[in-house]
Amino acid sequence: MDCPADAGLLAQGVANDEVFDVVPVNLIITEVAHRKLQEILNFEPGDVVLTVAIHRGGCSGYLYDMQIIDRPEGEGYQYDDIDGIPVAIADFDSSLLSGIVVNYQDTLMGGGFKIENPNADKECGCGKSFG
């Protein structure tokens, strides 16, 4: 996706005094996604993490963004280690991402990481957008 690496575009528009729900993030990574992520992380030097973020856009309202980035410094993130996969989720995105399942599908047409989100009221057919 062509989204900037940050805490999500949603967080950019948050005023310092704006209140948002911060919930503990319970992220599930399937076995096949875990293998693929471990493969990718083996080629990344330094202290890196998998980030999953939310951005405004897409045909359903929000887009997912997954990236491997240097570990963010400062406050505003929840960190977890899921069987050796370091993960960082921005507090601002936590209420929309808690409980997601990260999967990987290797198909001839449209393979890649897929997110199943129990918080989504609707999802786009492409699997990259939800509302």
N, C-alpha and C. Protein backbone atom coordinates (compact mmCIF):
# COMPACT_ATOMS: atom_id res chain seq x y z
N MET A 1 0.83 -1.17 0.00
CA MET A 1 0.00 0.00 0.00
C MET A 1 0.87 1.24 0.00
N ASP A 2 0.39 2.31 -0.53
CA ASP A 2 1.14 3.55 -0.58
C ASP A 2 0.75 4.45 0.58
N CYS A 3 0.99 4.00 1.79
CA CYS A 3 0.68 4.78 2.98
C CYS A 3 1.97 5.09 3.72
N PRO A 4 2.08 6.27 4.31
CA PRO A 4 3.30 6.60 5.04
C PRO A 4 3.46 5.75 6.29
N ALA A 5 4.70 5.53 6.70
CA ALA A 5 4.98 4.77 7.91
C ALA A 5 4.87 5.70 9.11
N ASP A 6 3.79 5.60 9.84
CA ASP A 6 3.58 6.41 11.02
C ASP A 6 2.60 5.68 11.91
N ALA A 7 2.03 6.37 12.84
CA ALA A 7 1.05 5.75 13.73
C ALA A 7 -0.30 5.63 13.06
N GLY A 8 -0.35 5.85 11.76
CA GLY A 8 -1.61 5.82 11.04
C GLY A 8 -2.04 7.24 10.77
N LEU A 9 -2.58 7.49 9.61
CA LEU A 9 -3.03 8.84 9.29
C LEU A 9 -4.12 9.31 10.23
N LEU A 10 -4.83 8.38 10.83
CA LEU A 10 -5.84 8.79 11.79
C LEU A 10 -5.19 9.56 12.93
N ALA A 11 -4.05 9.11 13.39
CA ALA A 11 -3.38 9.73 14.53
C ALA A 11 -2.84 11.11 14.17
N GLN A 12 -2.54 11.38 12.91
CA GLN A 12 -2.00 12.68 12.53
C GLN A 12 -2.99 13.79 12.76
N GLY A 13 -4.26 13.50 12.64
CA GLY A 13 -5.27 14.54 12.79
C GLY A 13 -5.78 14.69 14.22
N VAL A 14 -5.15 14.00 15.16
CA VAL A 14 -5.60 14.04 16.54
C VAL A 14 -5.01 15.24 17.26
N ALA A 15 -5.84 16.05 17.83
CA ALA A 15 -5.37 17.18 18.64
C ALA A 15 -4.80 16.63 19.95
N ASN A 16 -3.89 17.36 20.54
CA ASN A 16 -3.24 16.90 21.77
C ASN A 16 -4.23 16.62 22.89
N ASP A 17 -5.36 17.31 22.89
CA ASP A 17 -6.33 17.10 23.95
C ASP A 17 -7.48 16.17 23.54
N GLU A 18 -7.42 15.63 22.32
CA GLU A 18 -8.48 14.73 21.86
C GLU A 18 -8.38 13.40 22.59
N VAL A 19 -9.52 12.89 23.02
CA VAL A 19 -9.57 11.64 23.76
C VAL A 19 -9.94 10.52 22.80
N PHE A 20 -9.24 9.40 22.95
CA PHE A 20 -9.57 8.22 22.16
C PHE A 20 -9.38 7.00 23.04
N ASP A 21 -10.09 5.93 22.72
CA ASP A 21 -10.01 4.71 23.51
C ASP A 21 -8.71 3.98 23.22
N VAL A 22 -8.02 3.61 24.28
CA VAL A 22 -6.84 2.75 24.17
C VAL A 22 -7.22 1.43 24.79
N VAL A 23 -7.18 0.38 23.99
CA VAL A 23 -7.52 -0.95 24.49
C VAL A 23 -6.32 -1.86 24.30
N PRO A 24 -6.18 -2.87 25.15
CA PRO A 24 -5.09 -3.82 24.96
C PRO A 24 -5.28 -4.54 23.61
N VAL A 25 -4.21 -4.62 22.85
CA VAL A 25 -4.29 -5.26 21.53
C VAL A 25 -3.96 -6.74 21.66
N ASN A 26 -4.88 -7.55 21.21
CA ASN A 26 -4.69 -8.99 21.15
C ASN A 26 -4.60 -9.36 19.68
N LEU A 27 -3.38 -9.51 19.18
CA LEU A 27 -3.13 -9.78 17.77
C LEU A 27 -2.82 -11.27 17.60
N ILE A 28 -3.42 -11.89 16.60
CA ILE A 28 -3.17 -13.30 16.32
C ILE A 28 -2.47 -13.38 14.96
N ILE A 29 -1.38 -14.14 14.91
CA ILE A 29 -0.66 -14.37 13.66
C ILE A 29 -0.74 -15.86 13.36
N THR A 30 -1.31 -16.21 12.21
CA THR A 30 -1.43 -17.62 11.86
C THR A 30 -0.05 -18.22 11.63
N GLU A 31 0.01 -19.53 11.64
CA GLU A 31 1.28 -20.23 11.47
C GLU A 31 1.94 -19.89 10.13
N VAL A 32 1.18 -19.86 9.06
CA VAL A 32 1.75 -19.57 7.74
C VAL A 32 2.23 -18.11 7.66
N ALA A 33 1.49 -17.18 8.26
CA ALA A 33 1.90 -15.78 8.30
C ALA A 33 3.16 -15.63 9.17
N HIS A 34 3.22 -16.37 10.26
CA HIS A 34 4.38 -16.33 11.14
C HIS A 34 5.64 -16.75 10.39
N ARG A 35 5.55 -17.84 9.63
CA ARG A 35 6.71 -18.31 8.86
C ARG A 35 7.16 -17.24 7.86
N LYS A 36 6.20 -16.63 7.16
CA LYS A 36 6.53 -15.61 6.16
C LYS A 36 7.14 -14.38 6.83
N LEU A 37 6.59 -13.94 7.94
CA LEU A 37 7.13 -12.78 8.65
C LEU A 37 8.54 -13.07 9.18
N GLN A 38 8.75 -14.29 9.71
CA GLN A 38 10.08 -14.66 10.21
C GLN A 38 11.09 -14.64 9.06
N GLU A 39 10.67 -15.11 7.91
CA GLU A 39 11.50 -15.08 6.70
C GLU A 39 11.91 -13.64 6.37
N ILE A 40 10.96 -12.72 6.41
CA ILE A 40 11.21 -11.32 6.10
C ILE A 40 12.12 -10.70 7.16
N LEU A 41 11.83 -10.96 8.43
CA LEU A 41 12.61 -10.38 9.53
C LEU A 41 14.06 -10.85 9.53
N ASN A 42 14.31 -12.04 9.00
CA ASN A 42 15.69 -12.54 8.93
C ASN A 42 16.59 -11.67 8.07
N PHE A 43 16.01 -10.88 7.18
CA PHE A 43 16.79 -10.01 6.29
C PHE A 43 16.81 -8.56 6.76
N GLU A 44 16.19 -8.27 7.90
CA GLU A 44 16.12 -6.90 8.41
C GLU A 44 17.12 -6.72 9.55
N PRO A 45 18.09 -5.84 9.36
CA PRO A 45 19.06 -5.59 10.44
C PRO A 45 18.49 -4.64 11.50
N GLY A 46 19.03 -4.70 12.69
CA GLY A 46 18.66 -3.74 13.72
C GLY A 46 17.44 -4.14 14.52
N ASP A 47 16.97 -3.18 15.29
CA ASP A 47 15.83 -3.38 16.18
C ASP A 47 14.56 -2.97 15.43
N VAL A 48 13.96 -3.93 14.72
CA VAL A 48 12.79 -3.64 13.89
C VAL A 48 11.56 -4.34 14.47
N VAL A 49 10.39 -3.83 14.08
CA VAL A 49 9.11 -4.39 14.52
C VAL A 49 8.15 -4.41 13.34
N LEU A 50 7.17 -5.29 13.44
CA LEU A 50 6.04 -5.28 12.52
C LEU A 50 5.05 -4.27 13.07
N THR A 51 4.66 -3.30 12.26
CA THR A 51 3.61 -2.37 12.67
C THR A 51 2.38 -2.64 11.82
N VAL A 52 1.24 -2.57 12.46
CA VAL A 52 -0.04 -2.64 11.77
C VAL A 52 -0.74 -1.34 12.13
N ALA A 53 -1.17 -0.60 11.12
CA ALA A 53 -1.79 0.70 11.34
C ALA A 53 -3.05 0.83 10.50
N ILE A 54 -3.81 1.87 10.80
CA ILE A 54 -5.05 2.19 10.09
C ILE A 54 -4.89 3.56 9.44
N HIS A 55 -5.34 3.67 8.21
CA HIS A 55 -5.34 4.94 7.48
C HIS A 55 -6.73 5.18 6.92
N ARG A 56 -7.12 6.43 6.81
CA ARG A 56 -8.40 6.75 6.16
C ARG A 56 -8.25 6.47 4.67
N GLY A 57 -9.30 5.91 4.10
CA GLY A 57 -9.28 5.67 2.66
C GLY A 57 -9.87 4.32 2.31
N GLY A 58 -9.68 3.94 1.08
CA GLY A 58 -10.22 2.67 0.61
C GLY A 58 -11.71 2.78 0.35
N CYS A 59 -12.27 1.73 -0.20
CA CYS A 59 -13.67 1.76 -0.58
C CYS A 59 -14.60 1.54 0.61
N SER A 60 -14.07 1.15 1.77
CA SER A 60 -14.92 0.92 2.93
C SER A 60 -14.68 1.90 4.08
N GLY A 61 -13.72 2.80 3.93
CA GLY A 61 -13.50 3.82 4.97
C GLY A 61 -12.10 3.85 5.56
N TYR A 62 -11.51 2.68 5.81
CA TYR A 62 -10.17 2.59 6.39
C TYR A 62 -9.35 1.57 5.61
N LEU A 63 -8.04 1.81 5.60
CA LEU A 63 -7.09 0.88 4.97
C LEU A 63 -6.13 0.34 6.03
N TYR A 64 -5.73 -0.91 5.88
CA TYR A 64 -4.70 -1.48 6.73
C TYR A 64 -3.34 -1.13 6.15
N ASP A 65 -2.37 -0.99 7.03
CA ASP A 65 -0.99 -0.78 6.61
C ASP A 65 -0.10 -1.65 7.49
N MET A 66 0.65 -2.54 6.88
CA MET A 66 1.60 -3.39 7.60
C MET A 66 2.99 -3.08 7.07
N GLN A 67 3.92 -2.82 8.00
CA GLN A 67 5.29 -2.53 7.60
C GLN A 67 6.26 -3.07 8.64
N ILE A 68 7.47 -3.34 8.19
CA ILE A 68 8.58 -3.63 9.08
C ILE A 68 9.37 -2.33 9.17
N ILE A 69 9.46 -1.76 10.38
CA ILE A 69 10.15 -0.48 10.56
C ILE A 69 11.06 -0.56 11.78
N ASP A 70 11.95 0.43 11.91
CA ASP A 70 12.74 0.55 13.14
C ASP A 70 11.78 0.76 14.30
N ARG A 71 12.12 0.17 15.44
CA ARG A 71 11.25 0.28 16.61
C ARG A 71 11.01 1.76 16.94
N PRO A 72 9.72 2.17 16.98
CA PRO A 72 9.41 3.56 17.30
C PRO A 72 9.86 3.92 18.72
N GLU A 73 10.34 5.13 18.88
CA GLU A 73 10.76 5.59 20.20
C GLU A 73 9.63 6.42 20.82
N GLY A 74 9.63 6.48 22.12
CA GLY A 74 8.64 7.29 22.81
C GLY A 74 7.39 6.52 23.15
N GLU A 75 6.42 7.28 23.61
CA GLU A 75 5.16 6.68 24.04
C GLU A 75 4.18 6.61 22.88
N GLY A 76 3.05 5.96 23.15
CA GLY A 76 1.99 5.93 22.15
C GLY A 76 1.86 4.62 21.39
N TYR A 77 2.66 3.61 21.80
CA TYR A 77 2.60 2.30 21.15
C TYR A 77 2.42 1.19 22.18
N GLN A 78 1.80 0.12 21.75
CA GLN A 78 1.78 -1.11 22.51
C GLN A 78 2.71 -2.09 21.81
N TYR A 79 3.54 -2.76 22.59
CA TYR A 79 4.51 -3.70 22.03
C TYR A 79 4.16 -5.11 22.48
N ASP A 80 4.41 -6.05 21.59
CA ASP A 80 4.19 -7.45 21.92
C ASP A 80 5.22 -8.27 21.16
N ASP A 81 5.47 -9.44 21.65
CA ASP A 81 6.31 -10.40 20.95
C ASP A 81 5.46 -11.65 20.77
N ILE A 82 5.12 -11.93 19.53
CA ILE A 82 4.25 -13.06 19.23
C ILE A 82 5.11 -14.17 18.64
N ASP A 83 5.52 -15.08 19.51
CA ASP A 83 6.38 -16.20 19.12
C ASP A 83 7.58 -15.75 18.30
N GLY A 84 8.25 -14.70 18.77
CA GLY A 84 9.46 -14.22 18.10
C GLY A 84 9.23 -13.13 17.07
N ILE A 85 7.99 -12.74 16.84
CA ILE A 85 7.68 -11.65 15.91
C ILE A 85 7.42 -10.39 16.75
N PRO A 86 8.32 -9.39 16.71
CA PRO A 86 8.09 -8.17 17.47
C PRO A 86 7.03 -7.31 16.77
N VAL A 87 6.05 -6.85 17.54
CA VAL A 87 4.91 -6.11 16.98
C VAL A 87 4.73 -4.80 17.74
N ALA A 88 4.40 -3.73 17.01
CA ALA A 88 4.06 -2.43 17.62
C ALA A 88 2.75 -1.94 17.00
N ILE A 89 1.82 -1.58 17.86
CA ILE A 89 0.53 -1.04 17.43
C ILE A 89 0.36 0.32 18.10
N ALA A 90 0.05 1.34 17.31
CA ALA A 90 -0.18 2.68 17.88
C ALA A 90 -1.41 2.63 18.78
N ASP A 91 -1.30 3.27 19.94
CA ASP A 91 -2.44 3.33 20.86
C ASP A 91 -3.69 3.84 20.16
N PHE A 92 -3.52 4.84 19.29
CA PHE A 92 -4.66 5.45 18.62
C PHE A 92 -5.43 4.43 17.78
N ASP A 93 -4.72 3.46 17.20
CA ASP A 93 -5.35 2.46 16.34
C ASP A 93 -5.83 1.22 17.10
N SER A 94 -5.54 1.15 18.40
CA SER A 94 -5.75 -0.08 19.16
C SER A 94 -7.21 -0.55 19.16
N SER A 95 -8.16 0.36 19.26
CA SER A 95 -9.56 -0.08 19.34
C SER A 95 -10.05 -0.70 18.04
N LEU A 96 -9.44 -0.32 16.93
CA LEU A 96 -9.85 -0.91 15.63
C LEU A 96 -9.05 -2.16 15.28
N LEU A 97 -7.93 -2.38 15.98
CA LEU A 97 -7.06 -3.51 15.62
C LEU A 97 -7.04 -4.65 16.63
N SER A 98 -7.61 -4.45 17.81
CA SER A 98 -7.58 -5.51 18.81
C SER A 98 -8.38 -6.71 18.32
N GLY A 99 -7.78 -7.87 18.38
CA GLY A 99 -8.45 -9.10 17.98
C GLY A 99 -8.26 -9.50 16.53
N ILE A 100 -7.47 -8.72 15.76
CA ILE A 100 -7.30 -9.08 14.35
C ILE A 100 -6.48 -10.35 14.20
N VAL A 101 -6.70 -11.00 13.09
CA VAL A 101 -5.93 -12.19 12.72
C VAL A 101 -5.15 -11.84 11.45
N VAL A 102 -3.82 -12.00 11.52
CA VAL A 102 -2.97 -11.77 10.36
C VAL A 102 -2.69 -13.13 9.74
N ASN A 103 -3.04 -13.27 8.48
CA ASN A 103 -2.84 -14.52 7.75
C ASN A 103 -2.04 -14.23 6.50
N TYR A 104 -1.52 -15.28 5.88
CA TYR A 104 -0.81 -15.13 4.61
C TYR A 104 -1.34 -16.19 3.67
N GLN A 105 -1.71 -15.73 2.47
CA GLN A 105 -2.19 -16.65 1.45
C GLN A 105 -1.26 -16.58 0.26
N ASP A 106 -0.79 -17.72 -0.17
CA ASP A 106 0.11 -17.78 -1.32
C ASP A 106 -0.67 -18.37 -2.49
N THR A 107 -1.23 -17.48 -3.31
CA THR A 107 -2.03 -17.92 -4.44
C THR A 107 -1.50 -17.30 -5.73
N LEU A 108 -1.89 -17.85 -6.85
CA LEU A 108 -1.47 -17.30 -8.13
C LEU A 108 -2.09 -15.93 -8.38
N MET A 109 -3.28 -15.71 -7.85
CA MET A 109 -3.98 -14.45 -8.07
C MET A 109 -4.24 -13.77 -6.73
N GLY A 110 -3.46 -12.77 -6.39
CA GLY A 110 -3.74 -11.98 -5.21
C GLY A 110 -3.24 -12.53 -3.90
N GLY A 111 -2.10 -13.21 -3.89
CA GLY A 111 -1.54 -13.71 -2.65
C GLY A 111 -0.99 -12.57 -1.80
N GLY A 112 -0.70 -12.86 -0.55
CA GLY A 112 -0.10 -11.88 0.35
C GLY A 112 -0.75 -11.94 1.72
N PHE A 113 -0.40 -10.95 2.55
CA PHE A 113 -0.95 -10.89 3.90
C PHE A 113 -2.41 -10.43 3.85
N LYS A 114 -3.23 -11.07 4.65
CA LYS A 114 -4.65 -10.75 4.75
C LYS A 114 -4.98 -10.56 6.22
N ILE A 115 -5.83 -9.60 6.52
CA ILE A 115 -6.24 -9.33 7.89
C ILE A 115 -7.72 -9.61 8.03
N GLU A 116 -8.05 -10.40 9.04
CA GLU A 116 -9.44 -10.65 9.41
C GLU A 116 -9.69 -9.82 10.66
N ASN A 117 -10.71 -8.95 10.63
CA ASN A 117 -10.93 -8.01 11.71
C ASN A 117 -12.33 -8.17 12.29
N PRO A 118 -12.43 -8.64 13.55
CA PRO A 118 -13.75 -8.79 14.16
C PRO A 118 -14.41 -7.45 14.48
N ASN A 119 -13.65 -6.34 14.41
CA ASN A 119 -14.19 -5.01 14.70
C ASN A 119 -14.82 -4.36 13.47
N ALA A 120 -14.64 -4.95 12.31
CA ALA A 120 -15.12 -4.35 11.07
C ALA A 120 -16.61 -4.62 10.88
N ASP A 121 -17.34 -3.54 10.61
CA ASP A 121 -18.76 -3.68 10.28
C ASP A 121 -18.94 -4.15 8.84
N LYS A 122 -18.02 -3.73 7.97
CA LYS A 122 -18.05 -4.15 6.57
C LYS A 122 -16.61 -4.21 6.07
N GLU A 123 -16.39 -5.05 5.08
CA GLU A 123 -15.07 -5.18 4.48
C GLU A 123 -15.18 -5.15 2.98
N CYS A 124 -14.15 -4.63 2.36
CA CYS A 124 -14.09 -4.60 0.91
C CYS A 124 -13.73 -5.98 0.38
N GLY A 125 -14.11 -6.29 -0.80
CA GLY A 125 -13.78 -7.57 -1.41
C GLY A 125 -12.29 -7.78 -1.58
N CYS A 126 -11.52 -6.69 -1.66
CA CYS A 126 -10.08 -6.78 -1.85
C CYS A 126 -9.37 -7.22 -0.56
N GLY A 127 -10.03 -7.08 0.60
CA GLY A 127 -9.44 -7.46 1.87
C GLY A 127 -8.47 -6.44 2.44
N LYS A 128 -8.35 -5.27 1.81
CA LYS A 128 -7.42 -4.25 2.28
C LYS A 128 -8.15 -3.06 2.91
N SER A 129 -9.46 -3.09 2.90
CA SER A 129 -10.24 -1.96 3.37
C SER A 129 -11.38 -2.47 4.23
N PHE A 130 -11.74 -1.66 5.25
CA PHE A 130 -12.86 -2.03 6.10
C PHE A 130 -13.53 -0.77 6.64
N GLY A 131 -14.70 -0.94 7.20
CA GLY A 131 -15.44 0.20 7.76
C GLY A 131 -16.08 -0.18 9.06
